Amino acid sequence: MSHLKSIITNWLSGIRLAWQGNTVFRGMVSVSILGIVVALVARIDTLKVTLLLAIACIAFGLEIANSSIEKLCDIVHPGKCDEVKIVKDAFSAVPIFAFTAYVVSWLILVLPALITWIGR
């Protein structure tokens, strides 16, 4: 049980650090929460909301990984380095692809129902 408590404490610490130090992460979380609330208000079925939540969580995790890789690169090779810049720039695209998948999924799964809900 102590090991599980340690794992949960580390997870929460990582999320807190990401929230405090990463404006992209905060933006992604805020947009995702708003999108999921709208989906619930529009009475989207549970499976679709769960899918949106899963895609959002993948994007969050990838953004945290991206920030971690950037920080590690800065520690391992401080200062300007073309190779490090390539690594950082390349990996920074990964969370954007995942978040784009969230936005596209939201448009496909929620927008039609939202338009119907507003039209009532």
N, C-alpha and C. Protein backbone atom coordinates (compact mmCIF):
# COMPACT_ATOMS: atom_id res chain seq x y z
N MET A 1 0.83 -1.19 0.00
CA MET A 1 0.00 0.00 0.00
C MET A 1 0.87 1.26 0.00
N SER A 2 2.00 1.19 0.67
CA SER A 2 2.92 2.33 0.72
C SER A 2 3.46 2.64 -0.67
N HIS A 3 3.72 1.58 -1.45
CA HIS A 3 4.23 1.76 -2.81
C HIS A 3 3.18 2.46 -3.69
N LEU A 4 1.92 2.05 -3.54
CA LEU A 4 0.83 2.67 -4.30
C LEU A 4 0.69 4.14 -3.92
N LYS A 5 0.79 4.43 -2.65
CA LYS A 5 0.70 5.82 -2.19
C LYS A 5 1.83 6.65 -2.80
N SER A 6 3.01 6.09 -2.86
CA SER A 6 4.16 6.78 -3.46
C SER A 6 3.94 7.05 -4.94
N ILE A 7 3.38 6.08 -5.64
CA ILE A 7 3.10 6.23 -7.07
C ILE A 7 2.09 7.35 -7.29
N ILE A 8 1.01 7.33 -6.52
CA ILE A 8 -0.03 8.36 -6.66
C ILE A 8 0.53 9.74 -6.31
N THR A 9 1.35 9.81 -5.28
CA THR A 9 1.97 11.08 -4.90
C THR A 9 2.84 11.61 -6.03
N ASN A 10 3.61 10.73 -6.67
CA ASN A 10 4.46 11.14 -7.80
C ASN A 10 3.62 11.61 -8.98
N TRP A 11 2.53 10.89 -9.28
CA TRP A 11 1.65 11.30 -10.38
C TRP A 11 1.10 12.70 -10.13
N LEU A 12 0.57 12.89 -8.93
CA LEU A 12 -0.02 14.19 -8.61
C LEU A 12 1.02 15.30 -8.64
N SER A 13 2.23 15.00 -8.20
CA SER A 13 3.31 15.98 -8.25
C SER A 13 3.63 16.35 -9.70
N GLY A 14 3.68 15.37 -10.58
CA GLY A 14 3.95 15.62 -11.98
C GLY A 14 2.86 16.47 -12.63
N ILE A 15 1.61 16.16 -12.31
CA ILE A 15 0.50 16.94 -12.85
C ILE A 15 0.55 18.37 -12.32
N ARG A 16 0.83 18.52 -11.04
CA ARG A 16 0.93 19.86 -10.44
C ARG A 16 2.05 20.67 -11.10
N LEU A 17 3.21 20.05 -11.29
CA LEU A 17 4.32 20.74 -11.94
C LEU A 17 3.97 21.13 -13.37
N ALA A 18 3.30 20.24 -14.09
CA ALA A 18 2.89 20.54 -15.46
C ALA A 18 1.90 21.71 -15.47
N TRP A 19 0.97 21.69 -14.53
CA TRP A 19 -0.03 22.76 -14.47
C TRP A 19 0.63 24.11 -14.16
N GLN A 20 1.55 24.10 -13.23
CA GLN A 20 2.20 25.34 -12.80
C GLN A 20 3.16 25.90 -13.84
N GLY A 21 3.85 25.04 -14.56
CA GLY A 21 4.93 25.51 -15.41
C GLY A 21 4.71 25.41 -16.90
N ASN A 22 3.51 25.05 -17.34
CA ASN A 22 3.31 24.79 -18.75
C ASN A 22 1.98 25.38 -19.21
N THR A 23 2.05 26.53 -19.87
CA THR A 23 0.82 27.18 -20.31
C THR A 23 0.10 26.37 -21.39
N VAL A 24 0.84 25.65 -22.22
CA VAL A 24 0.21 24.81 -23.24
C VAL A 24 -0.62 23.72 -22.56
N PHE A 25 -0.06 23.10 -21.52
CA PHE A 25 -0.78 22.06 -20.78
C PHE A 25 -2.06 22.64 -20.18
N ARG A 26 -1.96 23.80 -19.54
CA ARG A 26 -3.15 24.42 -18.94
C ARG A 26 -4.20 24.73 -20.01
N GLY A 27 -3.76 25.20 -21.17
CA GLY A 27 -4.70 25.48 -22.25
C GLY A 27 -5.38 24.24 -22.76
N MET A 28 -4.60 23.17 -22.93
CA MET A 28 -5.17 21.91 -23.40
C MET A 28 -6.20 21.37 -22.41
N VAL A 29 -5.86 21.42 -21.13
CA VAL A 29 -6.80 20.93 -20.11
C VAL A 29 -8.06 21.78 -20.09
N SER A 30 -7.90 23.09 -20.15
CA SER A 30 -9.06 23.99 -20.10
C SER A 30 -9.99 23.77 -21.28
N VAL A 31 -9.43 23.71 -22.48
CA VAL A 31 -10.25 23.47 -23.68
C VAL A 31 -10.93 22.11 -23.60
N SER A 32 -10.20 21.11 -23.14
CA SER A 32 -10.78 19.76 -23.04
C SER A 32 -11.91 19.71 -22.04
N ILE A 33 -11.74 20.33 -20.89
CA ILE A 33 -12.81 20.35 -19.89
C ILE A 33 -14.04 21.04 -20.46
N LEU A 34 -13.84 22.18 -21.09
CA LEU A 34 -14.96 22.89 -21.71
C LEU A 34 -15.65 22.00 -22.74
N GLY A 35 -14.87 21.33 -23.58
CA GLY A 35 -15.44 20.46 -24.61
C GLY A 35 -16.24 19.31 -24.03
N ILE A 36 -15.74 18.73 -22.95
CA ILE A 36 -16.43 17.60 -22.33
C ILE A 36 -17.70 18.07 -21.62
N VAL A 37 -17.65 19.24 -20.98
CA VAL A 37 -18.86 19.80 -20.35
C VAL A 37 -19.93 20.06 -21.41
N VAL A 38 -19.53 20.65 -22.53
CA VAL A 38 -20.48 20.89 -23.63
C VAL A 38 -21.05 19.56 -24.12
N ALA A 39 -20.22 18.54 -24.24
CA ALA A 39 -20.69 17.23 -24.67
C ALA A 39 -21.72 16.68 -23.69
N LEU A 40 -21.48 16.85 -22.41
CA LEU A 40 -22.43 16.36 -21.41
C LEU A 40 -23.74 17.15 -21.45
N VAL A 41 -23.64 18.46 -21.61
CA VAL A 41 -24.83 19.30 -21.69
C VAL A 41 -25.66 18.93 -22.93
N ALA A 42 -24.98 18.63 -24.02
CA ALA A 42 -25.67 18.25 -25.26
C ALA A 42 -26.15 16.80 -25.22
N ARG A 43 -25.95 16.15 -24.08
CA ARG A 43 -26.41 14.77 -23.85
C ARG A 43 -25.80 13.75 -24.82
N ILE A 44 -24.49 13.90 -25.03
CA ILE A 44 -23.76 12.94 -25.84
C ILE A 44 -23.66 11.65 -25.04
N ASP A 45 -23.76 10.50 -25.71
CA ASP A 45 -23.74 9.24 -24.97
C ASP A 45 -22.38 9.02 -24.28
N THR A 46 -22.44 8.23 -23.25
CA THR A 46 -21.30 8.00 -22.36
C THR A 46 -20.07 7.47 -23.09
N LEU A 47 -20.27 6.59 -24.04
CA LEU A 47 -19.14 6.02 -24.78
C LEU A 47 -18.38 7.11 -25.53
N LYS A 48 -19.08 8.02 -26.16
CA LYS A 48 -18.43 9.11 -26.90
C LYS A 48 -17.69 10.05 -25.95
N VAL A 49 -18.30 10.37 -24.83
CA VAL A 49 -17.63 11.24 -23.84
C VAL A 49 -16.38 10.55 -23.30
N THR A 50 -16.49 9.25 -23.06
CA THR A 50 -15.33 8.48 -22.59
C THR A 50 -14.22 8.49 -23.62
N LEU A 51 -14.57 8.35 -24.88
CA LEU A 51 -13.58 8.41 -25.96
C LEU A 51 -12.89 9.78 -25.99
N LEU A 52 -13.67 10.85 -25.89
CA LEU A 52 -13.09 12.20 -25.85
C LEU A 52 -12.15 12.36 -24.66
N LEU A 53 -12.56 11.87 -23.51
CA LEU A 53 -11.74 11.97 -22.31
C LEU A 53 -10.44 11.19 -22.48
N ALA A 54 -10.52 10.00 -23.08
CA ALA A 54 -9.32 9.19 -23.30
C ALA A 54 -8.35 9.89 -24.25
N ILE A 55 -8.86 10.44 -25.34
CA ILE A 55 -7.99 11.14 -26.29
C ILE A 55 -7.36 12.36 -25.62
N ALA A 56 -8.14 13.09 -24.84
CA ALA A 56 -7.61 14.26 -24.13
C ALA A 56 -6.50 13.84 -23.16
N CYS A 57 -6.71 12.77 -22.42
CA CYS A 57 -5.70 12.31 -21.47
C CYS A 57 -4.41 11.88 -22.18
N ILE A 58 -4.54 11.27 -23.35
CA ILE A 58 -3.35 10.92 -24.13
C ILE A 58 -2.60 12.20 -24.52
N ALA A 59 -3.33 13.20 -24.97
CA ALA A 59 -2.69 14.48 -25.34
C ALA A 59 -2.02 15.11 -24.12
N PHE A 60 -2.67 15.05 -22.96
CA PHE A 60 -2.06 15.62 -21.73
C PHE A 60 -0.75 14.90 -21.41
N GLY A 61 -0.80 13.59 -21.45
CA GLY A 61 0.40 12.80 -21.15
C GLY A 61 1.53 13.09 -22.11
N LEU A 62 1.20 13.24 -23.37
CA LEU A 62 2.24 13.55 -24.36
C LEU A 62 2.81 14.95 -24.17
N GLU A 63 1.97 15.89 -23.75
CA GLU A 63 2.48 17.24 -23.47
C GLU A 63 3.41 17.22 -22.26
N ILE A 64 3.07 16.46 -21.23
CA ILE A 64 3.95 16.33 -20.07
C ILE A 64 5.27 15.66 -20.48
N ALA A 65 5.18 14.61 -21.32
CA ALA A 65 6.40 13.95 -21.81
C ALA A 65 7.25 14.93 -22.61
N ASN A 66 6.61 15.72 -23.46
CA ASN A 66 7.34 16.71 -24.25
C ASN A 66 8.08 17.69 -23.35
N SER A 67 7.41 18.19 -22.34
CA SER A 67 8.05 19.13 -21.41
C SER A 67 9.22 18.47 -20.69
N SER A 68 9.04 17.21 -20.32
CA SER A 68 10.10 16.48 -19.63
C SER A 68 11.32 16.28 -20.53
N ILE A 69 11.08 15.93 -21.78
CA ILE A 69 12.18 15.75 -22.73
C ILE A 69 12.92 17.06 -22.96
N GLU A 70 12.16 18.15 -23.09
CA GLU A 70 12.80 19.46 -23.27
C GLU A 70 13.68 19.81 -22.07
N LYS A 71 13.16 19.57 -20.88
CA LYS A 71 13.92 19.87 -19.66
C LYS A 71 15.17 19.00 -19.58
N LEU A 72 15.02 17.72 -19.88
CA LEU A 72 16.15 16.80 -19.85
C LEU A 72 17.22 17.22 -20.87
N CYS A 73 16.79 17.60 -22.05
CA CYS A 73 17.74 18.08 -23.07
C CYS A 73 18.50 19.31 -22.58
N ASP A 74 17.80 20.21 -21.91
CA ASP A 74 18.45 21.41 -21.38
C ASP A 74 19.46 21.08 -20.29
N ILE A 75 19.17 20.04 -19.50
CA ILE A 75 20.10 19.63 -18.43
C ILE A 75 21.31 18.93 -19.03
N VAL A 76 21.07 18.01 -19.95
CA VAL A 76 22.16 17.22 -20.53
C VAL A 76 23.06 18.07 -21.41
N HIS A 77 22.45 19.00 -22.14
CA HIS A 77 23.25 19.82 -23.06
C HIS A 77 22.79 21.28 -22.94
N PRO A 78 23.26 21.98 -21.90
CA PRO A 78 22.86 23.39 -21.74
C PRO A 78 23.44 24.24 -22.88
N GLY A 79 22.79 25.32 -23.18
CA GLY A 79 23.26 26.18 -24.25
C GLY A 79 22.66 25.76 -25.58
N LYS A 80 23.07 26.45 -26.62
CA LYS A 80 22.53 26.18 -27.95
C LYS A 80 23.23 24.98 -28.58
N CYS A 81 22.43 24.13 -29.17
CA CYS A 81 22.97 22.94 -29.86
C CYS A 81 21.95 22.55 -30.93
N ASP A 82 22.41 22.49 -32.18
CA ASP A 82 21.51 22.18 -33.29
C ASP A 82 20.84 20.82 -33.14
N GLU A 83 21.59 19.81 -32.68
CA GLU A 83 21.02 18.47 -32.53
C GLU A 83 19.93 18.45 -31.46
N VAL A 84 20.17 19.13 -30.34
CA VAL A 84 19.18 19.19 -29.27
C VAL A 84 17.93 19.94 -29.76
N LYS A 85 18.12 21.00 -30.50
CA LYS A 85 17.00 21.76 -31.05
C LYS A 85 16.14 20.87 -31.94
N ILE A 86 16.77 20.04 -32.75
CA ILE A 86 16.03 19.13 -33.64
C ILE A 86 15.18 18.17 -32.82
N VAL A 87 15.77 17.60 -31.77
CA VAL A 87 15.03 16.66 -30.91
C VAL A 87 13.85 17.37 -30.25
N LYS A 88 14.10 18.54 -29.68
CA LYS A 88 13.04 19.28 -28.99
C LYS A 88 11.93 19.69 -29.95
N ASP A 89 12.31 20.20 -31.11
CA ASP A 89 11.31 20.63 -32.08
C ASP A 89 10.49 19.45 -32.61
N ALA A 90 11.16 18.35 -32.90
CA ALA A 90 10.47 17.19 -33.44
C ALA A 90 9.46 16.64 -32.42
N PHE A 91 9.88 16.49 -31.17
CA PHE A 91 8.97 15.90 -30.19
C PHE A 91 7.85 16.87 -29.81
N SER A 92 8.07 18.17 -29.97
CA SER A 92 7.03 19.12 -29.62
C SER A 92 5.80 18.98 -30.51
N ALA A 93 5.95 18.37 -31.69
CA ALA A 93 4.81 18.16 -32.58
C ALA A 93 3.89 17.03 -32.10
N VAL A 94 4.42 16.12 -31.31
CA VAL A 94 3.65 14.94 -30.91
C VAL A 94 2.38 15.29 -30.14
N PRO A 95 2.44 16.10 -29.06
CA PRO A 95 1.20 16.40 -28.35
C PRO A 95 0.20 17.19 -29.19
N ILE A 96 0.69 17.97 -30.14
CA ILE A 96 -0.22 18.73 -30.99
C ILE A 96 -1.04 17.79 -31.88
N PHE A 97 -0.41 16.72 -32.38
CA PHE A 97 -1.16 15.74 -33.16
C PHE A 97 -2.25 15.10 -32.30
N ALA A 98 -1.91 14.75 -31.07
CA ALA A 98 -2.90 14.12 -30.19
C ALA A 98 -4.03 15.09 -29.86
N PHE A 99 -3.68 16.34 -29.60
CA PHE A 99 -4.74 17.31 -29.27
C PHE A 99 -5.59 17.62 -30.50
N THR A 100 -4.98 17.61 -31.67
CA THR A 100 -5.76 17.78 -32.90
C THR A 100 -6.75 16.63 -33.05
N ALA A 101 -6.34 15.42 -32.70
CA ALA A 101 -7.25 14.28 -32.73
C ALA A 101 -8.42 14.51 -31.79
N TYR A 102 -8.17 15.12 -30.62
CA TYR A 102 -9.25 15.44 -29.68
C TYR A 102 -10.22 16.43 -30.32
N VAL A 103 -9.69 17.50 -30.90
CA VAL A 103 -10.54 18.55 -31.49
C VAL A 103 -11.36 17.98 -32.64
N VAL A 104 -10.74 17.22 -33.53
CA VAL A 104 -11.46 16.63 -34.66
C VAL A 104 -12.52 15.65 -34.15
N SER A 105 -12.18 14.85 -33.16
CA SER A 105 -13.15 13.92 -32.58
C SER A 105 -14.32 14.67 -31.97
N TRP A 106 -14.03 15.76 -31.29
CA TRP A 106 -15.09 16.58 -30.69
C TRP A 106 -16.01 17.11 -31.78
N LEU A 107 -15.42 17.61 -32.86
CA LEU A 107 -16.23 18.15 -33.95
C LEU A 107 -17.13 17.07 -34.56
N ILE A 108 -16.60 15.86 -34.70
CA ILE A 108 -17.37 14.77 -35.30
C ILE A 108 -18.43 14.23 -34.33
N LEU A 109 -18.05 14.06 -33.06
CA LEU A 109 -18.94 13.40 -32.10
C LEU A 109 -19.92 14.35 -31.41
N VAL A 110 -19.51 15.59 -31.20
CA VAL A 110 -20.31 16.49 -30.37
C VAL A 110 -21.02 17.56 -31.18
N LEU A 111 -20.37 18.14 -32.13
CA LEU A 111 -20.95 19.29 -32.83
C LEU A 111 -22.33 19.02 -33.43
N PRO A 112 -22.54 17.90 -34.12
CA PRO A 112 -23.90 17.66 -34.65
C PRO A 112 -24.97 17.61 -33.55
N ALA A 113 -24.66 16.95 -32.46
CA ALA A 113 -25.62 16.86 -31.35
C ALA A 113 -25.82 18.23 -30.69
N LEU A 114 -24.76 19.00 -30.61
CA LEU A 114 -24.86 20.34 -30.02
C LEU A 114 -25.75 21.23 -30.89
N ILE A 115 -25.57 21.15 -32.19
CA ILE A 115 -26.42 21.95 -33.09
C ILE A 115 -27.88 21.54 -32.94
N THR A 116 -28.14 20.25 -32.85
CA THR A 116 -29.50 19.77 -32.63
C THR A 116 -30.04 20.25 -31.30
N TRP A 117 -29.21 20.17 -30.25
CA TRP A 117 -29.63 20.59 -28.91
C TRP A 117 -29.95 22.07 -28.89
N ILE A 118 -29.14 22.89 -29.55
CA ILE A 118 -29.38 24.34 -29.59
C ILE A 118 -30.65 24.65 -30.38
N GLY A 119 -30.91 23.86 -31.42
CA GLY A 119 -32.08 24.09 -32.27
C GLY A 119 -33.41 23.75 -31.64
N ARG A 120 -33.40 23.12 -30.48
CA ARG A 120 -34.67 22.75 -29.83
C ARG A 120 -35.42 23.94 -29.34
